[in-house]
Amino acid sequence: MGLIKSSIHFMLGTGCGIYIAQNYNVPDIRKLVNTWMFVAKHIEKTYQKPKKDDD
């Protein structure tokens, strides 16, 4: 019964996701992730310690 129950939950979730994506203004997740990764890299470069030159 576990396989059937989990399959029904998966299909229900997929159906709800498709309905929401078609009828509501859902943001593009990939675009949001890329934006936050750019911000994180910028912050990391801004606040990192300067490299020491042993020369």
PDB file of N, CA and C in Angstrom:
ATOM      1  N   MET A   1       0.817  -1.195   0.000  1.00  0.00           N
ATOM      2  CA  MET A   1       0.000   0.000   0.000  1.00  0.00           C
ATOM      3  C   MET A   1       0.862   1.261   0.000  1.00  0.00           C
ATOM      4  N   GLY A   2       2.103   1.201   0.434  1.00  0.00           N
ATOM      5  CA  GLY A   2       2.958   2.384   0.495  1.00  0.00           C
ATOM      6  C   GLY A   2       3.261   2.944  -0.880  1.00  0.00           C
ATOM      7  N   LEU A   3       3.475   2.046  -1.851  1.00  0.00           N
ATOM      8  CA  LEU A   3       3.787   2.490  -3.210  1.00  0.00           C
ATOM      9  C   LEU A   3       2.585   3.174  -3.852  1.00  0.00           C
ATOM     10  N   ILE A   4       1.419   2.620  -3.655  1.00  0.00           N
ATOM     11  CA  ILE A   4       0.201   3.191  -4.236  1.00  0.00           C
ATOM     12  C   ILE A   4      -0.099   4.542  -3.580  1.00  0.00           C
ATOM     13  N   LYS A   5       0.033   4.613  -2.271  1.00  0.00           N
ATOM     14  CA  LYS A   5      -0.249   5.858  -1.557  1.00  0.00           C
ATOM     15  C   LYS A   5       0.718   6.963  -1.974  1.00  0.00           C
ATOM     16  N   SER A   6       2.002   6.632  -2.077  1.00  0.00           N
ATOM     17  CA  SER A   6       2.976   7.651  -2.475  1.00  0.00           C
ATOM     18  C   SER A   6       2.779   8.059  -3.936  1.00  0.00           C
ATOM     19  N   SER A   7       2.351   7.131  -4.773  1.00  0.00           N
ATOM     20  CA  SER A   7       2.081   7.460  -6.173  1.00  0.00           C
ATOM     21  C   SER A   7       0.895   8.415  -6.290  1.00  0.00           C
ATOM     22  N   ILE A   8      -0.131   8.188  -5.496  1.00  0.00           N
ATOM     23  CA  ILE A   8      -1.296   9.070  -5.507  1.00  0.00           C
ATOM     24  C   ILE A   8      -0.901  10.468  -5.027  1.00  0.00           C
ATOM     25  N   HIS A   9      -0.079  10.555  -3.996  1.00  0.00           N
ATOM     26  CA  HIS A   9       0.375  11.856  -3.497  1.00  0.00           C
ATOM     27  C   HIS A   9       1.206  12.573  -4.556  1.00  0.00           C
ATOM     28  N   PHE A  10       2.066  11.836  -5.239  1.00  0.00           N
ATOM     29  CA  PHE A  10       2.892  12.423  -6.291  1.00  0.00           C
ATOM     30  C   PHE A  10       2.033  12.962  -7.426  1.00  0.00           C
ATOM     31  N   MET A  11       1.053  12.185  -7.877  1.00  0.00           N
ATOM     32  CA  MET A  11       0.171  12.622  -8.965  1.00  0.00           C
ATOM     33  C   MET A  11      -0.677  13.814  -8.546  1.00  0.00           C
ATOM     34  N   LEU A  12      -1.160  13.815  -7.319  1.00  0.00           N
ATOM     35  CA  LEU A  12      -1.944  14.936  -6.815  1.00  0.00           C
ATOM     36  C   LEU A  12      -1.090  16.204  -6.749  1.00  0.00           C
ATOM     37  N   GLY A  13       0.128  16.089  -6.264  1.00  0.00           N
ATOM     38  CA  GLY A  13       1.037  17.233  -6.200  1.00  0.00           C
ATOM     39  C   GLY A  13       1.399  17.762  -7.572  1.00  0.00           C
ATOM     40  N   THR A  14       1.634  16.862  -8.515  1.00  0.00           N
ATOM     41  CA  THR A  14       1.937  17.258  -9.882  1.00  0.00           C
ATOM     42  C   THR A  14       0.759  17.982 -10.513  1.00  0.00           C
ATOM     43  N   GLY A  15      -0.438  17.446 -10.318  1.00  0.00           N
ATOM     44  CA  GLY A  15      -1.641  18.080 -10.860  1.00  0.00           C
ATOM     45  C   GLY A  15      -1.879  19.467 -10.273  1.00  0.00           C
ATOM     46  N   CYS A  16      -1.695  19.595  -8.974  1.00  0.00           N
ATOM     47  CA  CYS A  16      -1.855  20.910  -8.328  1.00  0.00           C
ATOM     48  C   CYS A  16      -0.797  21.887  -8.830  1.00  0.00           C
ATOM     49  N   GLY A  17       0.435  21.420  -8.995  1.00  0.00           N
ATOM     50  CA  GLY A  17       1.507  22.280  -9.498  1.00  0.00           C
ATOM     51  C   GLY A  17       1.237  22.770 -10.906  1.00  0.00           C
ATOM     52  N   ILE A  18       0.730  21.896 -11.755  1.00  0.00           N
ATOM     53  CA  ILE A  18       0.392  22.285 -13.130  1.00  0.00           C
ATOM     54  C   ILE A  18      -0.733  23.307 -13.130  1.00  0.00           C
ATOM     55  N   TYR A  19      -1.744  23.079 -12.319  1.00  0.00           N
ATOM     56  CA  TYR A  19      -2.875  24.013 -12.231  1.00  0.00           C
ATOM     57  C   TYR A  19      -2.407  25.391 -11.761  1.00  0.00           C
ATOM     58  N   ILE A  20      -1.577  25.419 -10.720  1.00  0.00           N
ATOM     59  CA  ILE A  20      -1.093  26.691 -10.174  1.00  0.00           C
ATOM     60  C   ILE A  20      -0.218  27.413 -11.199  1.00  0.00           C
ATOM     61  N   ALA A  21       0.661  26.679 -11.889  1.00  0.00           N
ATOM     62  CA  ALA A  21       1.545  27.296 -12.870  1.00  0.00           C
ATOM     63  C   ALA A  21       0.772  27.895 -14.040  1.00  0.00           C
ATOM     64  N   GLN A  22      -0.354  27.292 -14.416  1.00  0.00           N
ATOM     65  CA  GLN A  22      -1.130  27.789 -15.547  1.00  0.00           C
ATOM     66  C   GLN A  22      -2.029  28.953 -15.170  1.00  0.00           C
ATOM     67  N   ASN A  23      -2.495  29.005 -13.939  1.00  0.00           N
ATOM     68  CA  ASN A  23      -3.512  29.987 -13.577  1.00  0.00           C
ATOM     69  C   ASN A  23      -3.017  31.140 -12.720  1.00  0.00           C
ATOM     70  N   TYR A  24      -1.793  31.073 -12.224  1.00  0.00           N
ATOM     71  CA  TYR A  24      -1.271  32.134 -11.362  1.00  0.00           C
ATOM     72  C   TYR A  24       0.082  32.585 -11.875  1.00  0.00           C
ATOM     73  N   ASN A  25       0.477  33.794 -11.495  1.00  0.00           N
ATOM     74  CA  ASN A  25       1.755  34.342 -11.911  1.00  0.00           C
ATOM     75  C   ASN A  25       2.844  33.821 -10.976  1.00  0.00           C
ATOM     76  N   VAL A  26       3.437  32.706 -11.330  1.00  0.00           N
ATOM     77  CA  VAL A  26       4.461  32.056 -10.523  1.00  0.00           C
ATOM     78  C   VAL A  26       5.831  32.503 -11.037  1.00  0.00           C
ATOM     79  N   PRO A  27       6.734  32.981 -10.152  1.00  0.00           N
ATOM     80  CA  PRO A  27       8.046  33.427 -10.625  1.00  0.00           C
ATOM     81  C   PRO A  27       8.903  32.254 -11.112  1.00  0.00           C
ATOM     82  N   ASP A  28       9.822  32.576 -12.017  1.00  0.00           N
ATOM     83  CA  ASP A  28      10.739  31.572 -12.552  1.00  0.00           C
ATOM     84  C   ASP A  28      11.815  31.288 -11.504  1.00  0.00           C
ATOM     85  N   ILE A  29      11.824  30.091 -10.966  1.00  0.00           N
ATOM     86  CA  ILE A  29      12.726  29.720  -9.873  1.00  0.00           C
ATOM     87  C   ILE A  29      14.183  29.766 -10.327  1.00  0.00           C
ATOM     88  N   ARG A  30      14.472  29.314 -11.534  1.00  0.00           N
ATOM     89  CA  ARG A  30      15.846  29.300 -12.024  1.00  0.00           C
ATOM     90  C   ARG A  30      16.406  30.722 -12.081  1.00  0.00           C
ATOM     91  N   LYS A  31      15.585  31.674 -12.511  1.00  0.00           N
ATOM     92  CA  LYS A  31      16.020  33.069 -12.586  1.00  0.00           C
ATOM     93  C   LYS A  31      16.280  33.629 -11.184  1.00  0.00           C
ATOM     94  N   LEU A  32      15.420  33.299 -10.226  1.00  0.00           N
ATOM     95  CA  LEU A  32      15.623  33.751  -8.849  1.00  0.00           C
ATOM     96  C   LEU A  32      16.901  33.174  -8.247  1.00  0.00           C
ATOM     97  N   VAL A  33      17.152  31.900  -8.484  1.00  0.00           N
ATOM     98  CA  VAL A  33      18.351  31.249  -7.943  1.00  0.00           C
ATOM     99  C   VAL A  33      19.607  31.873  -8.547  1.00  0.00           C
ATOM    100  N   ASN A  34      19.598  32.122  -9.863  1.00  0.00           N
ATOM    101  CA  ASN A  34      20.756  32.737 -10.503  1.00  0.00           C
ATOM    102  C   ASN A  34      21.012  34.135  -9.955  1.00  0.00           C
ATOM    103  N   THR A  35      19.960  34.892  -9.704  1.00  0.00           N
ATOM    104  CA  THR A  35      20.106  36.226  -9.146  1.00  0.00           C
ATOM    105  C   THR A  35      20.722  36.167  -7.758  1.00  0.00           C
ATOM    106  N   TRP A  36      20.231  35.277  -6.908  1.00  0.00           N
ATOM    107  CA  TRP A  36      20.765  35.170  -5.546  1.00  0.00           C
ATOM    108  C   TRP A  36      22.195  34.637  -5.536  1.00  0.00           C
ATOM    109  N   MET A  37      22.533  33.765  -6.485  1.00  0.00           N
ATOM    110  CA  MET A  37      23.916  33.282  -6.570  1.00  0.00           C
ATOM    111  C   MET A  37      24.849  34.427  -6.961  1.00  0.00           C
ATOM    112  N   PHE A  38      24.412  35.289  -7.874  1.00  0.00           N
ATOM    113  CA  PHE A  38      25.216  36.450  -8.259  1.00  0.00           C
ATOM    114  C   PHE A  38      25.420  37.372  -7.066  1.00  0.00           C
ATOM    115  N   VAL A  39      24.357  37.628  -6.302  1.00  0.00           N
ATOM    116  CA  VAL A  39      24.453  38.484  -5.120  1.00  0.00           C
ATOM    117  C   VAL A  39      25.396  37.864  -4.088  1.00  0.00           C
ATOM    118  N   ALA A  40      25.286  36.569  -3.868  1.00  0.00           N
ATOM    119  CA  ALA A  40      26.150  35.891  -2.894  1.00  0.00           C
ATOM    120  C   ALA A  40      27.619  35.970  -3.313  1.00  0.00           C
ATOM    121  N   LYS A  41      27.907  35.775  -4.602  1.00  0.00           N
ATOM    122  CA  LYS A  41      29.290  35.862  -5.078  1.00  0.00           C
ATOM    123  C   LYS A  41      29.821  37.284  -4.935  1.00  0.00           C
ATOM    124  N   HIS A  42      28.978  38.266  -5.197  1.00  0.00           N
ATOM    125  CA  HIS A  42      29.384  39.662  -5.064  1.00  0.00           C
ATOM    126  C   HIS A  42      29.715  39.986  -3.595  1.00  0.00           C
ATOM    127  N   ILE A  43      28.875  39.543  -2.692  1.00  0.00           N
ATOM    128  CA  ILE A  43      29.109  39.777  -1.260  1.00  0.00           C
ATOM    129  C   ILE A  43      30.380  39.064  -0.807  1.00  0.00           C
ATOM    130  N   GLU A  44      30.590  37.844  -1.287  1.00  0.00           N
ATOM    131  CA  GLU A  44      31.787  37.098  -0.914  1.00  0.00           C
ATOM    132  C   GLU A  44      33.050  37.819  -1.377  1.00  0.00           C
ATOM    133  N   LYS A  45      33.055  38.315  -2.612  1.00  0.00           N
ATOM    134  CA  LYS A  45      34.227  39.027  -3.120  1.00  0.00           C
ATOM    135  C   LYS A  45      34.435  40.345  -2.386  1.00  0.00           C
ATOM    136  N   THR A  46      33.355  41.005  -2.012  1.00  0.00           N
ATOM    137  CA  THR A  46      33.454  42.294  -1.341  1.00  0.00           C
ATOM    138  C   THR A  46      34.048  42.162   0.055  1.00  0.00           C
ATOM    139  N   TYR A  47      33.672  41.153   0.799  1.00  0.00           N
ATOM    140  CA  TYR A  47      34.053  41.036   2.199  1.00  0.00           C
ATOM    141  C   TYR A  47      35.151  40.021   2.484  1.00  0.00           C
ATOM    142  N   GLN A  48      35.774  39.448   1.468  1.00  0.00           N
ATOM    143  CA  GLN A  48      36.835  38.480   1.739  1.00  0.00           C
ATOM    144  C   GLN A  48      38.111  39.194   2.178  1.00  0.00           C
ATOM    145  N   LYS A  49      38.919  38.498   2.931  1.00  0.00           N
ATOM    146  CA  LYS A  49      40.160  39.069   3.417  1.00  0.00           C
ATOM    147  C   LYS A  49      41.111  39.253   2.231  1.00  0.00           C
ATOM    148  N   PRO A  50      41.921  40.312   2.268  1.00  0.00           N
ATOM    149  CA  PRO A  50      42.893  40.494   1.185  1.00  0.00           C
ATOM    150  C   PRO A  50      43.961  39.411   1.242  1.00  0.00           C
ATOM    151  N   LYS A  51      44.441  39.017   0.071  1.00  0.00           N
ATOM    152  CA  LYS A  51      45.475  37.984   0.013  1.00  0.00           C
ATOM    153  C   LYS A  51      46.810  38.574   0.425  1.00  0.00           C
ATOM    154  N   LYS A  52      47.589  37.790   1.170  1.00  0.00           N
ATOM    155  CA  LYS A  52      48.904  38.230   1.634  1.00  0.00           C
ATOM    156  C   LYS A  52      49.939  37.879   0.580  1.00  0.00           C
ATOM    157  N   ASP A  53      50.803  38.831   0.292  1.00  0.00           N
ATOM    158  CA  ASP A  53      51.929  38.577  -0.600  1.00  0.00           C
ATOM    159  C   ASP A  53      53.176  38.392   0.251  1.00  0.00           C
ATOM    160  N   ASP A  54      53.785  37.210   0.203  1.00  0.00           N
ATOM    161  CA  ASP A  54      54.958  36.902   1.027  1.00  0.00           C
ATOM    162  C   ASP A  54      56.259  37.300   0.338  1.00  0.00           C
ATOM    163  N   ASP A  55      56.186  37.988  -0.773  1.00  0.00           N
ATOM    164  CA  ASP A  55      57.402  38.388  -1.501  1.00  0.00           C
ATOM    165  C   ASP A  55      58.176  39.446  -0.806  1.00  0.00           C
TER     166      ASP A  55
END
